[in-house]
Amino acid sequence: MCTSRWRRTAPRKGSSRNGSGSSVPVDARELYAPPAGYQHGLSRCLLVPLQRNGADLGLLVAGARSSTHAFAPEQMQVAQGIADLAGLALENARLAEELSQTQRFKSELVASLSHRFRIPLDVIIGYADLLLDGQFGTLTPEQAGVVKQLAHGAVELLQALNRVVDVSRD
């Protein structure tokens, strides 16, 4: 593993793309002289930041066994291209997880609202039917008209609720 105990060279500047499409300077560093006891045989490491939309997401580390040659500018450019793609992939994964979480929240909200509205609407419709059937006594024509309007409104709300639930499933 390459560590910060390695003696560093000055940063090499390049240009890269951030998420917005504009060029930003890139700081790729080489590390020399592995610490005592390092057994992986790498004598140099190239460190390239993983960035997206100005946020630091991680660090790409590439190692070399050659102790005589520094990383070539082309190698640094390839490493930066890989880092750009990795940054894009990490951002896409974060966005996919955020979308999945949002969809779960939406489903939970719709299920909760459906339950909270459906029960009272069913009770209203049921009692309106009982009143219209005369189960609690005879209604005057004026009372029957009001109860019919109540039942009709409750049925319309229930149908609207069913449409919202159907749309949210798509």
N, C-alpha and C. Protein backbone atom coordinates (compact mmCIF):
# COMPACT_ATOMS: atom_id res chain seq x y z
N MET A 1 0.84 -1.18 0.00
CA MET A 1 0.00 0.00 0.00
C MET A 1 0.88 1.22 0.00
N CYS A 2 0.56 2.22 -0.78
CA CYS A 2 1.31 3.46 -0.84
C CYS A 2 0.84 4.34 0.30
N THR A 3 1.75 4.90 1.05
CA THR A 3 1.37 5.71 2.20
C THR A 3 1.93 7.10 2.08
N SER A 4 1.47 7.97 2.94
CA SER A 4 1.92 9.35 2.91
C SER A 4 3.33 9.49 3.46
N ARG A 5 3.93 8.39 4.00
CA ARG A 5 5.30 8.46 4.51
C ARG A 5 6.31 8.48 3.37
N TRP A 6 5.88 8.23 2.18
CA TRP A 6 6.79 8.24 1.04
C TRP A 6 7.16 9.67 0.73
N ARG A 7 8.38 9.87 0.31
CA ARG A 7 8.82 11.20 -0.11
C ARG A 7 8.08 11.56 -1.40
N ARG A 8 7.55 12.78 -1.47
CA ARG A 8 6.74 13.18 -2.62
C ARG A 8 7.49 14.12 -3.55
N THR A 9 7.14 14.04 -4.81
CA THR A 9 7.62 15.03 -5.77
C THR A 9 6.62 16.17 -5.78
N ALA A 10 6.95 17.17 -6.54
CA ALA A 10 6.00 18.28 -6.71
C ALA A 10 4.82 17.77 -7.51
N PRO A 11 3.65 18.33 -7.29
CA PRO A 11 2.49 17.88 -8.05
C PRO A 11 2.66 18.17 -9.53
N ARG A 12 2.14 17.28 -10.35
CA ARG A 12 2.12 17.51 -11.79
C ARG A 12 0.73 17.97 -12.16
N LYS A 13 0.66 19.05 -12.85
CA LYS A 13 -0.64 19.61 -13.22
C LYS A 13 -1.02 19.14 -14.61
N GLY A 14 -2.27 18.83 -14.75
CA GLY A 14 -2.85 18.47 -16.04
C GLY A 14 -4.18 19.15 -16.12
N SER A 15 -4.98 18.79 -17.08
CA SER A 15 -6.34 19.31 -17.08
C SER A 15 -7.29 18.15 -17.20
N SER A 16 -8.41 18.30 -16.55
CA SER A 16 -9.41 17.25 -16.54
C SER A 16 -10.77 17.89 -16.65
N ARG A 17 -11.76 17.04 -16.78
CA ARG A 17 -13.14 17.53 -16.84
C ARG A 17 -13.79 17.29 -15.50
N ASN A 18 -14.43 18.32 -15.00
CA ASN A 18 -15.28 18.06 -13.85
C ASN A 18 -16.65 17.71 -14.40
N GLY A 19 -17.64 17.51 -13.56
CA GLY A 19 -18.95 17.08 -14.02
C GLY A 19 -19.66 18.08 -14.90
N SER A 20 -19.24 19.35 -14.87
CA SER A 20 -19.97 20.37 -15.63
C SER A 20 -19.45 20.53 -17.04
N GLY A 21 -18.36 19.86 -17.40
CA GLY A 21 -17.86 19.95 -18.75
C GLY A 21 -16.75 20.96 -18.91
N SER A 22 -16.44 21.79 -17.90
CA SER A 22 -15.37 22.75 -18.02
C SER A 22 -14.07 22.13 -17.52
N SER A 23 -12.91 22.66 -17.99
CA SER A 23 -11.63 22.12 -17.58
C SER A 23 -11.25 22.66 -16.21
N VAL A 24 -10.70 21.77 -15.40
CA VAL A 24 -10.17 22.16 -14.10
C VAL A 24 -8.80 21.54 -13.96
N PRO A 25 -7.90 22.19 -13.19
CA PRO A 25 -6.57 21.60 -13.02
C PRO A 25 -6.66 20.31 -12.22
N VAL A 26 -5.79 19.37 -12.54
CA VAL A 26 -5.73 18.09 -11.86
C VAL A 26 -4.39 18.00 -11.15
N ASP A 27 -4.40 17.50 -9.94
CA ASP A 27 -3.18 17.36 -9.16
C ASP A 27 -2.85 15.88 -9.06
N ALA A 28 -1.96 15.39 -9.92
CA ALA A 28 -1.52 14.00 -9.87
C ALA A 28 -0.13 14.01 -9.24
N ARG A 29 0.08 13.19 -8.24
CA ARG A 29 1.36 13.18 -7.53
C ARG A 29 2.01 11.80 -7.63
N GLU A 30 3.33 11.82 -7.68
CA GLU A 30 4.09 10.59 -7.61
C GLU A 30 4.72 10.50 -6.23
N LEU A 31 4.76 9.30 -5.69
CA LEU A 31 5.42 9.07 -4.42
C LEU A 31 6.63 8.17 -4.66
N TYR A 32 7.75 8.50 -4.02
CA TYR A 32 8.98 7.72 -4.17
C TYR A 32 9.36 7.11 -2.84
N ALA A 33 10.38 6.30 -2.84
CA ALA A 33 11.02 5.73 -1.66
C ALA A 33 10.04 5.09 -0.70
N PRO A 34 9.73 3.83 -0.92
CA PRO A 34 8.80 3.14 -0.02
C PRO A 34 9.34 3.06 1.40
N PRO A 35 8.48 3.00 2.38
CA PRO A 35 8.93 2.91 3.77
C PRO A 35 9.60 1.56 4.04
N ALA A 36 10.38 1.50 5.08
CA ALA A 36 11.06 0.25 5.45
C ALA A 36 10.01 -0.82 5.73
N GLY A 37 10.29 -2.03 5.31
CA GLY A 37 9.37 -3.13 5.56
C GLY A 37 8.26 -3.25 4.53
N TYR A 38 8.23 -2.39 3.53
CA TYR A 38 7.21 -2.46 2.49
C TYR A 38 7.54 -3.63 1.58
N GLN A 39 6.65 -4.61 1.42
CA GLN A 39 6.99 -5.85 0.75
C GLN A 39 6.28 -6.07 -0.59
N HIS A 40 5.63 -5.09 -1.14
CA HIS A 40 4.88 -5.31 -2.38
C HIS A 40 5.71 -5.05 -3.63
N GLY A 41 6.91 -4.60 -3.48
CA GLY A 41 7.79 -4.42 -4.63
C GLY A 41 7.51 -3.17 -5.45
N LEU A 42 6.65 -2.31 -5.04
CA LEU A 42 6.38 -1.08 -5.78
C LEU A 42 7.32 0.01 -5.27
N SER A 43 7.91 0.71 -6.21
CA SER A 43 8.82 1.77 -5.81
C SER A 43 8.20 3.15 -5.98
N ARG A 44 7.13 3.22 -6.74
CA ARG A 44 6.46 4.50 -6.96
C ARG A 44 4.95 4.29 -6.99
N CYS A 45 4.25 5.33 -6.63
CA CYS A 45 2.80 5.32 -6.73
C CYS A 45 2.35 6.62 -7.38
N LEU A 46 1.34 6.51 -8.21
CA LEU A 46 0.72 7.68 -8.81
C LEU A 46 -0.64 7.85 -8.13
N LEU A 47 -0.89 9.01 -7.59
CA LEU A 47 -2.15 9.29 -6.90
C LEU A 47 -2.96 10.29 -7.72
N VAL A 48 -4.19 9.94 -8.02
CA VAL A 48 -5.06 10.81 -8.81
C VAL A 48 -6.40 10.93 -8.07
N PRO A 49 -6.84 12.16 -7.80
CA PRO A 49 -8.11 12.31 -7.07
C PRO A 49 -9.31 11.92 -7.93
N LEU A 50 -10.29 11.26 -7.30
CA LEU A 50 -11.57 10.98 -7.95
C LEU A 50 -12.50 12.12 -7.57
N GLN A 51 -12.92 12.89 -8.56
CA GLN A 51 -13.75 14.06 -8.30
C GLN A 51 -14.93 14.09 -9.25
N ARG A 52 -16.02 14.70 -8.76
CA ARG A 52 -17.19 14.88 -9.60
C ARG A 52 -17.92 16.10 -9.11
N ASN A 53 -18.19 17.04 -10.01
CA ASN A 53 -18.90 18.27 -9.69
C ASN A 53 -18.26 19.00 -8.51
N GLY A 54 -16.95 19.00 -8.47
CA GLY A 54 -16.24 19.72 -7.43
C GLY A 54 -16.12 19.00 -6.11
N ALA A 55 -16.68 17.81 -5.98
CA ALA A 55 -16.62 17.05 -4.73
C ALA A 55 -15.55 15.99 -4.83
N ASP A 56 -14.78 15.82 -3.77
CA ASP A 56 -13.79 14.75 -3.71
C ASP A 56 -14.49 13.46 -3.33
N LEU A 57 -14.33 12.42 -4.16
CA LEU A 57 -15.00 11.14 -3.93
C LEU A 57 -14.04 10.04 -3.49
N GLY A 58 -12.77 10.20 -3.77
CA GLY A 58 -11.83 9.16 -3.43
C GLY A 58 -10.48 9.43 -4.06
N LEU A 59 -9.68 8.39 -4.14
CA LEU A 59 -8.33 8.53 -4.65
C LEU A 59 -7.99 7.27 -5.46
N LEU A 60 -7.50 7.47 -6.68
CA LEU A 60 -7.02 6.37 -7.51
C LEU A 60 -5.51 6.25 -7.28
N VAL A 61 -5.05 5.04 -6.98
CA VAL A 61 -3.64 4.81 -6.72
C VAL A 61 -3.14 3.78 -7.71
N ALA A 62 -2.05 4.12 -8.42
CA ALA A 62 -1.42 3.19 -9.35
C ALA A 62 0.04 3.04 -8.93
N GLY A 63 0.54 1.83 -8.93
CA GLY A 63 1.91 1.58 -8.50
C GLY A 63 2.79 1.13 -9.65
N ALA A 64 4.11 1.36 -9.48
CA ALA A 64 5.10 0.92 -10.48
C ALA A 64 6.30 0.31 -9.75
N ARG A 65 6.89 -0.69 -10.37
CA ARG A 65 8.05 -1.34 -9.77
C ARG A 65 9.36 -0.69 -10.21
N SER A 66 9.33 0.04 -11.29
CA SER A 66 10.53 0.66 -11.82
C SER A 66 10.98 1.80 -10.91
N SER A 67 12.23 1.75 -10.50
CA SER A 67 12.73 2.82 -9.63
C SER A 67 13.46 3.89 -10.42
N THR A 68 13.63 3.69 -11.72
CA THR A 68 14.41 4.65 -12.50
C THR A 68 13.55 5.58 -13.34
N HIS A 69 12.32 5.21 -13.62
CA HIS A 69 11.51 6.02 -14.52
C HIS A 69 10.31 6.60 -13.78
N ALA A 70 10.10 7.87 -14.00
CA ALA A 70 8.90 8.51 -13.46
C ALA A 70 7.73 8.13 -14.36
N PHE A 71 6.52 8.35 -13.86
CA PHE A 71 5.35 8.12 -14.70
C PHE A 71 5.36 9.12 -15.84
N ALA A 72 5.11 8.61 -17.04
CA ALA A 72 5.08 9.47 -18.23
C ALA A 72 3.80 10.30 -18.23
N PRO A 73 3.84 11.45 -18.88
CA PRO A 73 2.62 12.28 -18.95
C PRO A 73 1.43 11.52 -19.55
N GLU A 74 1.71 10.63 -20.51
CA GLU A 74 0.61 9.85 -21.10
C GLU A 74 -0.01 8.91 -20.07
N GLN A 75 0.84 8.31 -19.23
CA GLN A 75 0.33 7.44 -18.18
C GLN A 75 -0.51 8.23 -17.18
N MET A 76 -0.05 9.42 -16.87
CA MET A 76 -0.80 10.27 -15.94
C MET A 76 -2.14 10.68 -16.56
N GLN A 77 -2.13 10.93 -17.86
CA GLN A 77 -3.36 11.31 -18.55
C GLN A 77 -4.34 10.14 -18.57
N VAL A 78 -3.84 8.92 -18.82
CA VAL A 78 -4.70 7.73 -18.80
C VAL A 78 -5.27 7.53 -17.40
N ALA A 79 -4.41 7.68 -16.38
CA ALA A 79 -4.87 7.53 -15.00
C ALA A 79 -5.95 8.56 -14.68
N GLN A 80 -5.78 9.77 -15.18
CA GLN A 80 -6.78 10.80 -14.92
C GLN A 80 -8.08 10.47 -15.65
N GLY A 81 -7.98 9.91 -16.87
CA GLY A 81 -9.19 9.50 -17.59
C GLY A 81 -9.94 8.41 -16.84
N ILE A 82 -9.18 7.45 -16.30
CA ILE A 82 -9.80 6.39 -15.51
C ILE A 82 -10.45 6.99 -14.26
N ALA A 83 -9.76 7.93 -13.62
CA ALA A 83 -10.32 8.57 -12.42
C ALA A 83 -11.59 9.34 -12.76
N ASP A 84 -11.61 10.00 -13.91
CA ASP A 84 -12.83 10.72 -14.33
C ASP A 84 -13.99 9.76 -14.51
N LEU A 85 -13.73 8.62 -15.17
CA LEU A 85 -14.79 7.62 -15.38
C LEU A 85 -15.24 7.01 -14.05
N ALA A 86 -14.29 6.75 -13.16
CA ALA A 86 -14.64 6.20 -11.85
C ALA A 86 -15.47 7.21 -11.05
N GLY A 87 -15.11 8.48 -11.14
CA GLY A 87 -15.90 9.52 -10.46
C GLY A 87 -17.31 9.59 -11.01
N LEU A 88 -17.45 9.48 -12.32
CA LEU A 88 -18.76 9.46 -12.95
C LEU A 88 -19.57 8.25 -12.49
N ALA A 89 -18.92 7.08 -12.44
CA ALA A 89 -19.61 5.86 -12.00
C ALA A 89 -20.05 5.98 -10.54
N LEU A 90 -19.21 6.55 -9.69
CA LEU A 90 -19.58 6.73 -8.28
C LEU A 90 -20.75 7.70 -8.14
N GLU A 91 -20.74 8.76 -8.92
CA GLU A 91 -21.85 9.73 -8.87
C GLU A 91 -23.13 9.09 -9.38
N ASN A 92 -23.04 8.31 -10.45
CA ASN A 92 -24.23 7.61 -10.97
C ASN A 92 -24.78 6.63 -9.95
N ALA A 93 -23.90 5.93 -9.26
CA ALA A 93 -24.35 4.98 -8.23
C ALA A 93 -25.05 5.73 -7.09
N ARG A 94 -24.50 6.87 -6.70
CA ARG A 94 -25.13 7.67 -5.64
C ARG A 94 -26.51 8.16 -6.08
N LEU A 95 -26.62 8.62 -7.31
CA LEU A 95 -27.90 9.10 -7.82
C LEU A 95 -28.91 7.97 -7.94
N ALA A 96 -28.46 6.78 -8.36
CA ALA A 96 -29.36 5.63 -8.46
C ALA A 96 -29.89 5.25 -7.08
N GLU A 97 -29.04 5.28 -6.07
CA GLU A 97 -29.47 4.96 -4.71
C GLU A 97 -30.44 6.02 -4.19
N GLU A 98 -30.16 7.28 -4.50
CA GLU A 98 -31.06 8.36 -4.09
C GLU A 98 -32.43 8.22 -4.75
N LEU A 99 -32.45 7.86 -6.03
CA LEU A 99 -33.70 7.65 -6.74
C LEU A 99 -34.47 6.48 -6.14
N SER A 100 -33.77 5.40 -5.85
CA SER A 100 -34.41 4.23 -5.24
C SER A 100 -35.01 4.58 -3.89
N GLN A 101 -34.28 5.35 -3.10
CA GLN A 101 -34.79 5.75 -1.79
C GLN A 101 -36.01 6.66 -1.94
N THR A 102 -35.98 7.57 -2.89
CA THR A 102 -37.12 8.45 -3.14
C THR A 102 -38.35 7.65 -3.56
N GLN A 103 -38.15 6.64 -4.39
CA GLN A 103 -39.27 5.80 -4.81
C GLN A 103 -39.85 5.01 -3.63
N ARG A 104 -38.97 4.54 -2.73
CA ARG A 104 -39.46 3.85 -1.54
C ARG A 104 -40.28 4.78 -0.66
N PHE A 105 -39.79 6.02 -0.47
CA PHE A 105 -40.53 7.00 0.33
C PHE A 105 -41.88 7.31 -0.30
N LYS A 106 -41.91 7.43 -1.63
CA LYS A 106 -43.17 7.71 -2.33
C LYS A 106 -44.16 6.59 -2.12
N SER A 107 -43.68 5.37 -2.26
CA SER A 107 -44.56 4.20 -2.08
C SER A 107 -45.11 4.14 -0.66
N GLU A 108 -44.25 4.40 0.32
CA GLU A 108 -44.69 4.39 1.71
C GLU A 108 -45.72 5.50 1.96
N LEU A 109 -45.48 6.68 1.39
CA LEU A 109 -46.41 7.80 1.57
C LEU A 109 -47.77 7.48 0.96
N VAL A 110 -47.78 6.97 -0.26
CA VAL A 110 -49.04 6.65 -0.93
C VAL A 110 -49.78 5.55 -0.17
N ALA A 111 -49.06 4.54 0.30
CA ALA A 111 -49.71 3.46 1.06
C ALA A 111 -50.31 4.00 2.34
N SER A 112 -49.59 4.86 3.03
CA SER A 112 -50.09 5.42 4.28
C SER A 112 -51.31 6.31 4.04
N LEU A 113 -51.21 7.18 3.03
CA LEU A 113 -52.35 8.06 2.73
C LEU A 113 -53.56 7.26 2.27
N SER A 114 -53.32 6.25 1.46
CA SER A 114 -54.41 5.42 0.98
C SER A 114 -55.14 4.77 2.16
N HIS A 115 -54.37 4.23 3.10
CA HIS A 115 -54.97 3.59 4.26
C HIS A 115 -55.73 4.61 5.11
N ARG A 116 -55.11 5.75 5.35
CA ARG A 116 -55.74 6.77 6.22
C ARG A 116 -57.00 7.37 5.62
N PHE A 117 -57.10 7.43 4.30
CA PHE A 117 -58.29 7.99 3.67
C PHE A 117 -59.34 6.93 3.35
N ARG A 118 -58.89 5.76 2.97
CA ARG A 118 -59.81 4.72 2.53
C ARG A 118 -60.76 4.29 3.66
N ILE A 119 -60.26 4.12 4.86
CA ILE A 119 -61.10 3.65 5.97
C ILE A 119 -62.23 4.65 6.28
N PRO A 120 -61.93 5.94 6.47
CA PRO A 120 -63.05 6.87 6.73
C PRO A 120 -64.03 6.98 5.56
N LEU A 121 -63.50 6.92 4.34
CA LEU A 121 -64.41 7.00 3.18
C LEU A 121 -65.33 5.78 3.12
N ASP A 122 -64.78 4.60 3.41
CA ASP A 122 -65.62 3.40 3.44
C ASP A 122 -66.70 3.51 4.52
N VAL A 123 -66.35 4.07 5.66
CA VAL A 123 -67.32 4.24 6.75
C VAL A 123 -68.42 5.23 6.33
N ILE A 124 -68.01 6.33 5.71
CA ILE A 124 -69.00 7.33 5.25
C ILE A 124 -69.95 6.71 4.24
N ILE A 125 -69.38 5.99 3.26
CA ILE A 125 -70.21 5.36 2.23
C ILE A 125 -71.15 4.33 2.86
N GLY A 126 -70.62 3.53 3.78
CA GLY A 126 -71.44 2.50 4.44
C GLY A 126 -72.59 3.10 5.24
N TYR A 127 -72.31 4.12 6.03
CA TYR A 127 -73.38 4.74 6.82
C TYR A 127 -74.38 5.48 5.93
N ALA A 128 -73.91 6.06 4.84
CA ALA A 128 -74.84 6.72 3.92
C ALA A 128 -75.79 5.69 3.31
N ASP A 129 -75.26 4.54 2.94
CA ASP A 129 -76.11 3.47 2.39
C ASP A 129 -77.13 2.99 3.43
N LEU A 130 -76.68 2.84 4.69
CA LEU A 130 -77.60 2.42 5.75
C LEU A 130 -78.71 3.46 5.96
N LEU A 131 -78.33 4.73 5.94
CA LEU A 131 -79.33 5.80 6.10
C LEU A 131 -80.33 5.78 4.94
N LEU A 132 -79.81 5.62 3.72
CA LEU A 132 -80.70 5.62 2.55
C LEU A 132 -81.59 4.38 2.53
N ASP A 133 -81.13 3.25 3.09
CA ASP A 133 -81.95 2.04 3.16
C ASP A 133 -82.97 2.09 4.30
N GLY A 134 -82.92 3.15 5.10
CA GLY A 134 -83.88 3.29 6.20
C GLY A 134 -83.54 2.49 7.44
N GLN A 135 -82.33 2.08 7.61
CA GLN A 135 -81.93 1.29 8.77
C GLN A 135 -82.01 2.07 10.09
N PHE A 136 -81.97 3.38 10.02
CA PHE A 136 -82.05 4.22 11.22
C PHE A 136 -83.34 5.05 11.24
N GLY A 137 -84.23 4.66 10.46
CA GLY A 137 -85.50 5.39 10.38
C GLY A 137 -85.66 6.02 9.01
N THR A 138 -86.85 6.51 8.78
CA THR A 138 -87.17 7.10 7.49
C THR A 138 -86.57 8.50 7.38
N LEU A 139 -86.03 8.79 6.20
CA LEU A 139 -85.47 10.12 5.93
C LEU A 139 -86.47 10.94 5.15
N THR A 140 -86.47 12.23 5.41
CA THR A 140 -87.28 13.13 4.59
C THR A 140 -86.62 13.24 3.23
N PRO A 141 -87.36 13.66 2.21
CA PRO A 141 -86.75 13.81 0.88
C PRO A 141 -85.54 14.76 0.91
N GLU A 142 -85.61 15.79 1.71
CA GLU A 142 -84.48 16.73 1.81
C GLU A 142 -83.27 16.04 2.44
N GLN A 143 -83.49 15.27 3.51
CA GLN A 143 -82.40 14.54 4.16
C GLN A 143 -81.81 13.49 3.21
N ALA A 144 -82.67 12.79 2.50
CA ALA A 144 -82.20 11.77 1.56
C ALA A 144 -81.32 12.40 0.47
N GLY A 145 -81.70 13.60 0.01
CA GLY A 145 -80.89 14.30 -1.01
C GLY A 145 -79.50 14.66 -0.48
N VAL A 146 -79.44 15.11 0.77
CA VAL A 146 -78.15 15.46 1.37
C VAL A 146 -77.29 14.20 1.55
N VAL A 147 -77.88 13.11 2.01
CA VAL A 147 -77.13 11.87 2.22
C VAL A 147 -76.64 11.32 0.87
N LYS A 148 -77.46 11.44 -0.18
CA LYS A 148 -77.02 10.99 -1.51
C LYS A 148 -75.82 11.81 -1.99
N GLN A 149 -75.87 13.14 -1.76
CA GLN A 149 -74.73 14.00 -2.13
C GLN A 149 -73.48 13.61 -1.34
N LEU A 150 -73.67 13.32 -0.05
CA LEU A 150 -72.56 12.88 0.80
C LEU A 150 -71.96 11.58 0.27
N ALA A 151 -72.80 10.61 -0.03
CA ALA A 151 -72.33 9.32 -0.54
C ALA A 151 -71.64 9.50 -1.90
N HIS A 152 -72.22 10.33 -2.76
CA HIS A 152 -71.64 10.57 -4.08
C HIS A 152 -70.25 11.21 -3.94
N GLY A 153 -70.12 12.20 -3.07
CA GLY A 153 -68.82 12.85 -2.85
C GLY A 153 -67.79 11.87 -2.30
N ALA A 154 -68.22 11.01 -1.37
CA ALA A 154 -67.30 10.03 -0.79
C ALA A 154 -66.85 9.03 -1.85
N VAL A 155 -67.76 8.60 -2.71
CA VAL A 155 -67.41 7.66 -3.78
C VAL A 155 -66.42 8.32 -4.75
N GLU A 156 -66.65 9.60 -5.10
CA GLU A 156 -65.72 10.31 -5.99
C GLU A 156 -64.34 10.42 -5.36
N LEU A 157 -64.26 10.73 -4.06
CA LEU A 157 -62.96 10.79 -3.39
C LEU A 157 -62.27 9.43 -3.37
N LEU A 158 -63.03 8.38 -3.15
CA LEU A 158 -62.46 7.03 -3.15
C LEU A 158 -61.93 6.67 -4.54
N GLN A 159 -62.66 7.03 -5.58
CA GLN A 159 -62.20 6.77 -6.94
C GLN A 159 -60.92 7.56 -7.25
N ALA A 160 -60.89 8.82 -6.80
CA ALA A 160 -59.69 9.64 -7.01
C ALA A 160 -58.50 9.03 -6.27
N LEU A 161 -58.73 8.55 -5.06
CA LEU A 161 -57.68 7.90 -4.29
C LEU A 161 -57.18 6.65 -5.01
N ASN A 162 -58.08 5.88 -5.55
CA ASN A 162 -57.69 4.67 -6.30
C ASN A 162 -56.85 5.03 -7.52
N ARG A 163 -57.19 6.14 -8.21
CA ARG A 163 -56.40 6.57 -9.37
C ARG A 163 -54.99 6.99 -8.95
N VAL A 164 -54.90 7.68 -7.83
CA VAL A 164 -53.57 8.09 -7.33
C VAL A 164 -52.73 6.86 -7.00
N VAL A 165 -53.33 5.89 -6.35
CA VAL A 165 -52.60 4.66 -6.01
C VAL A 165 -52.17 3.94 -7.29
N ASP A 166 -53.05 3.87 -8.28
CA ASP A 166 -52.72 3.21 -9.55
C ASP A 166 -51.57 3.92 -10.26
N VAL A 167 -51.63 5.25 -10.30
CA VAL A 167 -50.58 6.03 -10.98
C VAL A 167 -49.24 5.87 -10.25
N SER A 168 -49.29 5.83 -8.92
CA SER A 168 -48.04 5.72 -8.16
C SER A 168 -47.36 4.37 -8.34
N ARG A 169 -48.09 3.36 -8.76
CA ARG A 169 -47.51 2.03 -8.99
C ARG A 169 -46.74 1.98 -10.29
N ASP A 170 -47.03 2.88 -11.21
CA ASP A 170 -46.37 2.88 -12.52
C ASP A 170 -44.99 3.48 -12.46
